[in-house]
Protein backbone atom coordinates (compact mmCIF):
# COMPACT_ATOMS: atom_id res chain seq x y z
CA UNK A 1 52.81 134.78 60.21
CA UNK A 2 55.82 134.87 62.51
CA UNK A 3 58.81 137.16 62.90
CA UNK A 4 62.22 136.76 64.52
CA UNK A 5 64.41 139.70 65.50
CA UNK A 6 68.09 139.80 66.42
CA UNK A 7 69.29 142.95 68.18
CA UNK A 8 72.95 143.93 68.35
CA UNK A 9 74.47 146.83 70.27
CA UNK A 10 73.31 149.37 72.81
CA UNK A 11 70.10 150.04 74.72
CA UNK A 12 69.04 152.54 72.04
CA UNK A 13 69.11 149.67 69.55
CA UNK A 14 67.08 147.55 71.97
CA UNK A 15 64.54 150.37 72.21
CA UNK A 16 64.38 150.59 68.39
CA UNK A 17 63.82 146.82 68.27
CA UNK A 18 60.89 147.16 70.67
CA UNK A 19 59.40 149.62 68.17
CA UNK A 20 60.02 147.20 65.29
CA UNK A 21 58.26 144.47 67.33
CA UNK A 22 55.36 146.87 67.96
CA UNK A 23 55.00 147.67 64.25
CA UNK A 24 55.21 144.01 63.20
CA UNK A 25 52.63 142.90 65.77
CA UNK A 26 50.30 145.68 64.64
CA UNK A 27 50.62 144.17 61.14
CA UNK A 28 49.51 140.80 62.55
CA UNK A 29 52.85 139.07 63.01
CA UNK A 30 53.68 136.98 66.08
CA UNK A 31 57.17 136.77 67.62
CA UNK A 32 59.18 133.54 67.58
CA UNK A 33 62.63 132.84 69.00
CA UNK A 34 63.14 130.09 66.41
CA UNK A 35 64.41 131.47 63.09
CA UNK A 36 63.32 128.29 61.26
CA UNK A 37 59.67 129.08 62.14
CA UNK A 38 59.89 132.70 60.98
CA UNK A 39 58.34 134.22 57.87
CA UNK A 40 60.43 137.36 58.35
CA UNK A 41 63.83 137.72 60.03
CA UNK A 42 64.97 141.21 61.08
CA UNK A 43 68.52 142.16 62.06
CA UNK A 44 68.89 145.43 63.99
CA UNK A 45 72.60 146.10 63.65
CA UNK A 46 75.34 147.93 65.53
CA UNK A 47 78.62 149.16 64.07
CA UNK A 48 80.52 150.20 67.19
CA UNK A 49 82.75 147.09 67.11
CA UNK A 50 84.02 144.81 64.37
CA UNK A 51 82.67 141.61 65.92
CA UNK A 52 79.11 142.86 65.23
CA UNK A 53 79.89 142.82 61.48
CA UNK A 54 81.33 139.30 61.71
CA UNK A 55 78.22 138.17 63.61
CA UNK A 56 75.86 139.64 61.00
CA UNK A 57 77.65 138.10 58.00
CA UNK A 58 77.82 134.74 59.77
CA UNK A 59 74.06 134.80 60.48
CA UNK A 60 73.28 135.82 56.88
CA UNK A 61 75.28 132.83 55.64
CA UNK A 62 73.20 130.55 57.89
CA UNK A 63 69.94 132.01 56.53
CA UNK A 64 70.70 131.44 52.85
CA UNK A 65 69.42 127.84 52.95
CA UNK A 66 66.25 128.91 54.81
CA UNK A 67 65.64 131.58 52.16
CA UNK A 68 65.93 128.98 49.38
CA UNK A 69 63.69 126.47 51.18
CA UNK A 70 60.78 128.64 52.32
CA UNK A 71 61.30 132.12 50.85
CA UNK A 72 61.53 134.01 54.14
CA UNK A 73 61.84 137.80 54.05
CA UNK A 74 65.20 139.04 55.38
CA UNK A 75 65.44 142.67 56.55
CA UNK A 76 68.51 144.45 57.93
CA UNK A 77 68.34 147.80 59.71
CA UNK A 78 70.20 149.84 62.30
CA UNK A 79 73.51 151.67 62.41
CA UNK A 80 75.48 149.36 60.12
CA UNK A 81 73.13 150.21 57.25
CA UNK A 82 74.32 153.84 57.36
CA UNK A 83 77.78 152.64 56.26
CA UNK A 84 78.06 152.45 52.46
CA UNK A 85 80.86 149.87 52.42
CA UNK A 86 78.64 147.52 54.46
CA UNK A 87 75.50 147.93 52.30
CA UNK A 88 77.65 147.47 49.17
CA UNK A 89 79.04 144.23 50.60
CA UNK A 90 75.55 142.94 51.45
CA UNK A 91 74.22 143.72 47.96
CA UNK A 92 77.23 142.03 46.36
CA UNK A 93 77.76 139.01 48.64
CA UNK A 94 74.24 138.46 50.03
CA UNK A 95 71.88 139.39 47.15
CA UNK A 96 69.07 137.36 48.75
CA UNK A 97 68.50 140.08 51.43
CA UNK A 98 65.11 141.77 50.78
CA UNK A 99 65.10 145.01 52.80
CA UNK A 100 67.84 147.42 53.90
CA UNK A 101 66.69 150.29 56.13
CA UNK A 102 68.64 152.89 58.10
CA UNK A 103 68.46 154.60 61.47
CA UNK A 104 66.47 157.54 60.06
CA UNK A 105 63.81 155.42 58.29
CA UNK A 106 62.79 153.04 61.10
CA UNK A 107 59.26 154.50 61.15
CA UNK A 108 58.74 153.45 57.50
CA UNK A 109 59.46 149.77 58.12
CA UNK A 110 55.82 148.55 57.72
CA UNK A 111 55.60 150.40 54.39
CA UNK A 112 58.92 148.92 53.21
CA UNK A 113 57.86 145.40 54.23
CA UNK A 114 54.50 145.75 52.45
CA UNK A 115 56.27 146.92 49.29
CA UNK A 116 58.74 144.00 49.41
CA UNK A 117 55.87 141.50 49.80
CA UNK A 118 53.59 142.98 47.15
CA UNK A 119 56.08 144.04 44.51
CA UNK A 120 58.55 141.16 45.08
CA UNK A 121 61.53 143.47 44.75
CA UNK A 122 64.49 144.54 46.86
CA UNK A 123 63.93 147.62 49.04
CA UNK A 124 66.67 150.02 50.10
CA UNK A 125 65.38 152.81 52.34
CA UNK A 126 68.40 154.67 53.72
CA UNK A 127 68.90 158.44 53.98
CA UNK A 128 72.10 160.28 54.95
CA UNK A 129 70.51 163.43 56.34
CA UNK A 130 69.51 163.65 60.01
CA UNK A 131 66.10 162.08 60.39
CA UNK A 132 63.20 163.68 62.19
CA UNK A 133 61.90 162.40 65.50
CA UNK A 134 58.70 160.43 64.91
CA UNK A 135 56.28 160.13 67.83
CA UNK A 136 53.53 157.60 68.39
CA UNK A 137 55.20 154.47 66.96
CA UNK A 138 53.74 151.26 68.41
CA UNK A 139 56.07 149.55 70.87
CA UNK A 140 56.18 146.01 72.29
CA UNK A 141 58.34 146.08 75.41
CA UNK A 142 60.17 143.02 76.72
CA UNK A 143 59.45 143.81 80.37
CA UNK A 144 56.31 144.79 82.28
CA UNK A 145 58.38 146.29 85.11
CA UNK A 146 61.22 148.29 83.51
CA UNK A 147 61.02 150.48 80.40
CA UNK A 148 63.54 152.49 78.42
CA UNK A 149 62.53 155.86 76.98
CA UNK A 150 64.61 157.59 74.30
CA UNK A 151 64.84 161.32 75.02
CA UNK A 152 67.22 162.33 72.22
CA UNK A 153 68.92 160.97 69.10
CA UNK A 154 72.34 161.57 67.59
CA UNK A 155 75.62 162.94 68.89
CA UNK A 156 77.73 166.07 68.31
CA UNK A 157 80.90 164.97 70.09
CA UNK A 158 82.86 163.19 67.32
CA UNK A 159 85.14 161.16 69.58
CA UNK A 160 87.83 159.97 67.20
CA UNK A 161 87.21 156.24 67.83
CA UNK A 162 83.43 156.42 67.38
CA UNK A 163 81.26 155.96 64.31
CA UNK A 164 77.99 156.92 66.06
CA UNK A 165 77.71 160.61 64.93
CA UNK A 166 78.12 159.46 61.31
CA UNK A 167 75.36 156.84 61.50
CA UNK A 168 72.93 158.39 64.02
CA UNK A 169 73.35 162.03 62.93
CA UNK A 170 73.42 165.20 65.01
CA UNK A 171 71.80 165.68 68.40
CA UNK A 172 68.02 166.08 68.25
CA UNK A 173 65.95 166.20 71.45
CA UNK A 174 62.37 165.03 71.84
CA UNK A 175 59.79 167.54 73.08
CA UNK A 176 59.48 167.61 76.88
CA UNK A 177 55.71 167.08 76.66
CA UNK A 178 56.07 163.88 74.59
CA UNK A 179 58.57 162.39 77.05
CA UNK A 180 56.55 163.26 80.19
CA UNK A 181 53.31 161.95 78.67
CA UNK A 182 54.99 158.68 77.61
CA UNK A 183 56.37 158.12 81.12
CA UNK A 184 53.01 158.97 82.74
CA UNK A 185 51.39 156.34 80.52
CA UNK A 186 54.05 153.79 81.51
CA UNK A 187 53.39 154.56 85.19
CA UNK A 188 49.65 153.91 84.61
CA UNK A 189 50.56 150.54 83.06
CA UNK A 190 52.48 149.59 86.21
CA UNK A 191 56.06 150.20 85.13
CA UNK A 192 58.33 150.86 88.12
CA UNK A 193 61.70 151.78 86.60
CA UNK A 194 62.48 154.13 83.71
CA UNK A 195 65.82 154.37 81.92
CA UNK A 196 66.32 157.53 79.87
CA UNK A 197 68.30 156.90 76.70
CA UNK A 198 70.45 159.04 74.43
CA UNK A 199 73.88 158.90 72.81
CA UNK A 200 74.77 161.86 75.03
CA UNK A 201 71.78 161.85 77.34
CA UNK A 202 72.78 164.64 79.73
CA UNK A 203 73.08 167.15 76.89
CA UNK A 204 69.28 166.97 76.41
CA UNK A 205 67.99 170.28 74.90
CA UNK A 206 71.49 171.80 75.07
CA UNK A 207 71.81 172.28 71.28
CA UNK A 208 68.35 173.82 71.11
CA UNK A 209 69.22 176.33 73.86
CA UNK A 210 72.67 177.18 72.44
CA UNK A 211 71.42 177.70 68.89
CA UNK A 212 68.21 179.46 69.87
CA UNK A 213 66.04 176.73 68.32
CA UNK A 214 62.50 177.12 69.62
CA UNK A 215 61.05 174.34 71.73
CA UNK A 216 57.97 174.23 73.91
CA UNK A 217 58.66 173.98 77.63
CA UNK A 218 56.35 171.62 79.49
CA UNK A 219 55.98 171.67 83.27
CA UNK A 220 59.20 173.67 83.52
CA UNK A 221 61.33 171.21 81.52
CA UNK A 222 64.03 173.07 79.58
CA UNK A 223 67.16 170.99 80.37
CA UNK A 224 68.26 167.53 81.49
CA UNK A 225 68.23 168.58 85.15
CA UNK A 226 64.64 169.89 84.98
CA UNK A 227 63.58 166.74 83.08
CA UNK A 228 64.90 164.56 85.93
CA UNK A 229 62.98 166.70 88.45
CA UNK A 230 59.74 166.47 86.45
CA UNK A 231 59.95 162.67 86.11
CA UNK A 232 60.78 162.42 89.82
CA UNK A 233 57.28 163.82 90.55
CA UNK A 234 55.41 161.20 88.48
CA UNK A 235 53.38 158.90 90.75
CA UNK A 236 54.05 155.18 90.29
CA UNK A 237 57.60 155.49 88.99
CA UNK A 238 59.98 154.20 91.67
CA UNK A 239 63.35 154.48 89.94
CA UNK A 240 64.98 156.62 87.26
CA UNK A 241 68.23 155.68 85.49
CA UNK A 242 69.92 157.19 82.45
CA UNK A 243 72.55 156.20 79.85
CA UNK A 244 74.84 157.17 78.29
CA UNK A 245 76.04 160.55 79.58
CA UNK A 246 79.24 162.52 78.85
CA UNK A 247 81.45 163.85 81.70
CA UNK A 248 81.56 167.35 80.16
CA UNK A 249 77.77 167.69 80.62
CA UNK A 250 77.68 166.87 84.35
CA UNK A 251 77.19 170.54 85.16
CA UNK A 252 76.10 171.78 88.60
CA UNK A 253 72.32 171.66 87.99
CA UNK A 254 72.52 168.01 86.82
CA UNK A 255 74.59 167.01 89.87
CA UNK A 256 72.10 168.82 92.12
CA UNK A 257 69.14 167.06 90.48
CA UNK A 258 70.72 163.62 90.97
CA UNK A 259 71.46 164.49 94.62
CA UNK A 260 67.98 165.80 95.47
CA UNK A 261 65.64 163.58 93.40
CA UNK A 262 64.99 160.54 95.59
CA UNK A 263 63.89 158.37 92.63
CA UNK A 264 67.04 159.00 90.57
CA UNK A 265 69.44 156.09 91.17
CA UNK A 266 72.74 157.07 92.74
CA UNK A 267 74.67 154.75 90.43
CA UNK A 268 75.93 157.17 87.78
CA UNK A 269 77.60 156.04 84.56
CA UNK A 270 80.67 158.23 84.00
CA UNK A 271 82.51 157.05 80.84
CA UNK A 272 86.29 157.43 81.23
CA UNK A 273 87.48 155.73 77.99
CA UNK A 274 91.15 156.34 78.91
CA UNK A 275 93.04 157.63 81.94
CA UNK A 276 95.84 159.49 80.18
CA UNK A 277 95.42 163.15 79.23
CA UNK A 278 97.30 162.90 75.90
CA UNK A 279 95.26 159.86 74.83
CA UNK A 280 92.03 161.59 75.90
CA UNK A 281 92.98 164.57 73.71
CA UNK A 282 93.61 162.23 70.75
CA UNK A 283 90.22 160.66 71.45
CA UNK A 284 88.65 164.17 71.39
CA UNK A 285 87.08 163.58 74.80
CA UNK A 286 87.31 167.26 75.94
CA UNK A 287 88.58 166.56 79.48
CA UNK A 288 91.91 165.63 81.10
CA UNK A 289 92.70 162.91 83.64
CA UNK A 290 92.79 165.58 86.38
CA UNK A 291 89.45 167.12 85.32
CA UNK A 292 87.82 163.68 85.37
CA UNK A 293 89.13 162.93 88.88
CA UNK A 294 88.05 166.40 90.07
CA UNK A 295 84.53 165.70 88.72
CA UNK A 296 84.43 162.37 90.58
CA UNK A 297 85.41 164.12 93.83
CA UNK A 298 82.84 166.91 93.27
CA UNK A 299 80.04 164.39 92.62
CA UNK A 300 81.01 162.30 95.65
CA UNK A 301 80.91 165.38 97.84
CA UNK A 302 77.46 166.43 96.61
CA UNK A 303 75.61 163.13 95.97
CA UNK A 304 75.04 160.91 99.05
CA UNK A 305 75.69 157.17 98.48
CA UNK A 306 77.08 157.79 94.98
CA UNK A 307 78.42 154.75 93.11
CA UNK A 308 80.02 154.95 89.66
CA UNK A 309 80.26 152.79 86.56
CA UNK A 310 82.36 153.51 83.49
CA UNK A 311 83.48 152.54 79.97
CA UNK A 312 87.15 151.98 79.13
CA UNK A 313 88.78 151.40 75.73
CA UNK A 314 92.08 149.50 75.77
CA UNK A 315 94.68 149.88 73.00
CA UNK A 316 93.73 153.17 71.32
CA UNK A 317 96.26 154.04 68.55
CA UNK A 318 99.55 155.33 69.94
CA UNK A 319 98.74 154.47 73.58
CA UNK A 320 102.03 153.53 75.31
CA UNK A 321 102.44 151.14 78.23
CA UNK A 322 103.05 154.14 80.53
CA UNK A 323 99.85 155.85 79.29
CA UNK A 324 97.88 152.66 79.86
CA UNK A 325 99.18 152.68 83.46
CA UNK A 326 97.39 156.03 83.88
CA UNK A 327 94.12 154.24 83.08
CA UNK A 328 94.87 151.62 85.73
CA UNK A 329 95.70 154.46 88.17
CA UNK A 330 92.25 156.06 87.66
CA UNK A 331 90.54 152.68 88.15
CA UNK A 332 92.50 152.12 91.39
CA UNK A 333 91.59 155.58 92.70
CA UNK A 334 87.90 155.70 91.74
CA UNK A 335 86.99 152.06 92.55
CA UNK A 336 84.12 151.82 90.05
CA UNK A 337 81.11 149.65 90.84
CA UNK A 338 81.03 148.35 87.26
CA UNK A 339 83.50 148.70 84.38
CA UNK A 340 82.52 147.98 80.77
CA UNK A 341 85.84 147.14 79.07
CA UNK A 342 86.44 147.18 75.33
CA UNK A 343 89.41 146.41 73.11
CA UNK A 344 89.83 149.25 70.57
CA UNK A 345 88.21 148.32 67.26
CA UNK A 346 89.00 150.27 64.08
CA UNK A 347 85.92 151.79 62.44
CA UNK A 348 86.05 152.82 58.78
CA UNK A 349 85.23 156.53 58.46
CA UNK A 350 86.53 157.61 61.89
CA UNK A 351 89.73 159.62 62.51
CA UNK A 352 91.03 156.77 64.71
CA UNK A 353 91.04 154.39 61.75
CA UNK A 354 93.49 156.64 59.87
CA UNK A 355 95.87 157.09 62.82
CA UNK A 356 99.33 155.57 62.65
CA UNK A 357 100.75 153.54 65.54
CA UNK A 358 97.86 151.07 65.68
CA UNK A 359 98.48 148.77 68.66
CA UNK A 360 99.11 145.07 67.83
CA UNK A 361 96.20 142.80 68.78
CA UNK A 362 98.38 140.72 71.09
CA UNK A 363 99.37 143.84 73.07
CA UNK A 364 95.73 145.02 73.28
CA UNK A 365 94.71 141.66 74.75
CA UNK A 366 97.57 141.73 77.31
CA UNK A 367 96.45 145.16 78.52
CA UNK A 368 92.80 144.09 78.54
CA UNK A 369 93.66 141.09 80.76
CA UNK A 370 95.59 143.36 83.13
CA UNK A 371 92.65 145.76 83.42
CA UNK A 372 90.20 142.88 83.85
CA UNK A 373 92.24 141.40 86.72
CA UNK A 374 92.29 144.78 88.50
CA UNK A 375 88.57 145.39 87.99
CA UNK A 376 87.62 141.91 89.23
CA UNK A 377 89.75 142.31 92.37
CA UNK A 378 87.93 145.60 93.08
CA UNK A 379 84.48 144.07 92.47
CA UNK A 380 85.19 141.43 95.10
CA UNK A 381 86.31 144.16 97.52
CA UNK A 382 83.30 146.39 96.67
CA UNK A 383 80.86 143.50 97.13
CA UNK A 384 82.01 142.92 100.71
CA UNK A 385 80.57 146.29 101.79
CA UNK A 386 77.05 145.03 100.86
CA UNK A 387 77.17 141.94 103.09
CA UNK A 388 75.06 142.49 106.22
CA UNK A 389 73.32 145.60 104.83
CA UNK A 390 69.66 146.12 103.99
CA UNK A 391 69.15 146.90 100.28
CA UNK A 392 66.05 148.17 98.47
CA UNK A 393 65.54 145.82 95.50
CA UNK A 394 63.13 145.95 92.55
CA UNK A 395 62.11 142.32 91.97
CA UNK A 396 62.32 141.60 88.23
CA UNK A 397 61.44 137.92 87.93
CA UNK A 398 62.81 134.40 88.24
CA UNK A 399 66.55 133.88 88.21
CA UNK A 400 67.77 132.71 84.79
CA UNK A 401 70.01 130.10 86.39
CA UNK A 402 67.57 128.78 88.99
CA UNK A 403 63.80 129.06 88.58
CA UNK A 404 63.36 128.42 92.31
CA UNK A 405 64.96 131.80 93.09
CA UNK A 406 63.87 135.35 92.34
CA UNK A 407 66.15 138.10 91.08
CA UNK A 408 66.22 141.89 91.29
CA UNK A 409 68.59 144.86 91.35
CA UNK A 410 69.72 147.37 93.92
CA UNK A 411 69.88 151.13 93.33
CA UNK A 412 73.56 150.55 92.41
CA UNK A 413 72.47 147.97 89.78
CA UNK A 414 73.81 144.96 91.69
CA UNK A 415 71.99 141.71 90.89
CA UNK A 416 70.50 140.07 94.00
CA UNK A 417 69.06 136.54 94.07
CA UNK A 418 66.84 135.32 96.88
CA UNK A 419 64.08 132.88 97.87
CA UNK A 420 60.60 134.37 97.71
CA UNK A 421 57.04 134.10 96.49
CA UNK A 422 56.37 134.86 92.80
CA UNK A 423 53.82 137.52 93.78
CA UNK A 424 56.77 139.73 94.78
CA UNK A 425 57.68 140.20 91.10
CA UNK A 426 57.27 143.86 90.18
CA UNK A 427 57.50 145.06 93.78
CA UNK A 428 60.16 147.04 95.65
CA UNK A 429 61.25 145.14 98.76
CA UNK A 430 64.01 145.30 101.38
CA UNK A 431 66.49 142.43 101.37
CA UNK A 432 69.29 141.63 103.79
CA UNK A 433 72.45 140.78 101.85
CA UNK A 434 73.92 137.58 103.30
CA UNK A 435 76.78 136.78 100.88
CA UNK A 436 78.58 137.99 97.74
CA UNK A 437 79.45 135.91 94.66
CA UNK A 438 81.42 138.26 92.33
CA UNK A 439 78.67 138.87 89.74
CA UNK A 440 75.68 138.73 92.10
CA UNK A 441 74.70 139.07 95.74
CA UNK A 442 72.62 136.61 97.78
CA UNK A 443 69.76 138.14 99.77
CA UNK A 444 67.10 137.18 102.31
CA UNK A 445 63.70 138.73 102.98
């Protein structure tokens, strides 16, 4: 029996999909990339942007014929399933879907699948309350070199453009002991790089401390900063990354931990979202343009070799041309290493969706193109500083575009391609950067 899985959205969704793969393979299923070969097709959905919905409904339309021909099982899970208007649409327009499961019932997927197969009936397993954290789920990771580890679920920030708190629930942190033991096990298996995941990763254990909720310290871990320090001591792990943090939680102890832990990468993701103080207030981001720039300066002063990446939303309701210029001003001043740019997408159930002064699509795209041109000019400029330097690179495998070349990433997450022997895969090596090509660097051993 074979399964096919399509993952949409963030790295947390990718981590959930690795758990779904682990559960399916424990049940005896084998993965296939070809949907026509599959006995079960699973969609792990995201609802952060509208195009994810369009993609899901398009794929479901394609699968209808396959369902009629060979009776495949179709299961849909993830964030989109926590939205009632979406599940209602699926039940009405795509009645051939067998299983709907939410973000809080992932651990019950094998049980739901068994029930759908044995009882030949539709299964809907979605709960609205915050789910518990379930440890010990099997996991089938895509890589043997890099692994992501979820350290907390949910979000308490309620940014006015974002649906995540409504579909992932409130912040809940995993026990320090469970995280440390999982990473130790990954180190034993030869994993080199760990990425810590959470909707608001640097607020790890904050809610528990603020509300006096008891938790068991393990090896001194009682905050995000102490977690970074504990992981930094684990033998075998070479690199530690984390996403996605919030600027308001980059307090002094976190900045100090990044600065002093040699394994923590000095590329820090610092989501801006918008560069204008009024727009930031409307977004409920809890910082001003000036506070953001002050934080950048503080981090640069305290963290050697710091590089920054960010997220920016273009065309939030009511954003004027002048306010958008403030965003461009921040980008010019900070010179980010990477910028993830998004056109504002209305999400049903968020305050942003109800706001007046929605920006016309044509205007959003004009602003997006302006931002993109600025960012790309800076990337070219940033890349020049790498040429002629020696960079420590974790070799990840063959280049996707040329099997004769190997590829890896620097501490600052720059892709480097180079000629080398396949036995270098999984190793940390020094490469001399000889040229830059916008989206990657060329290196030599």
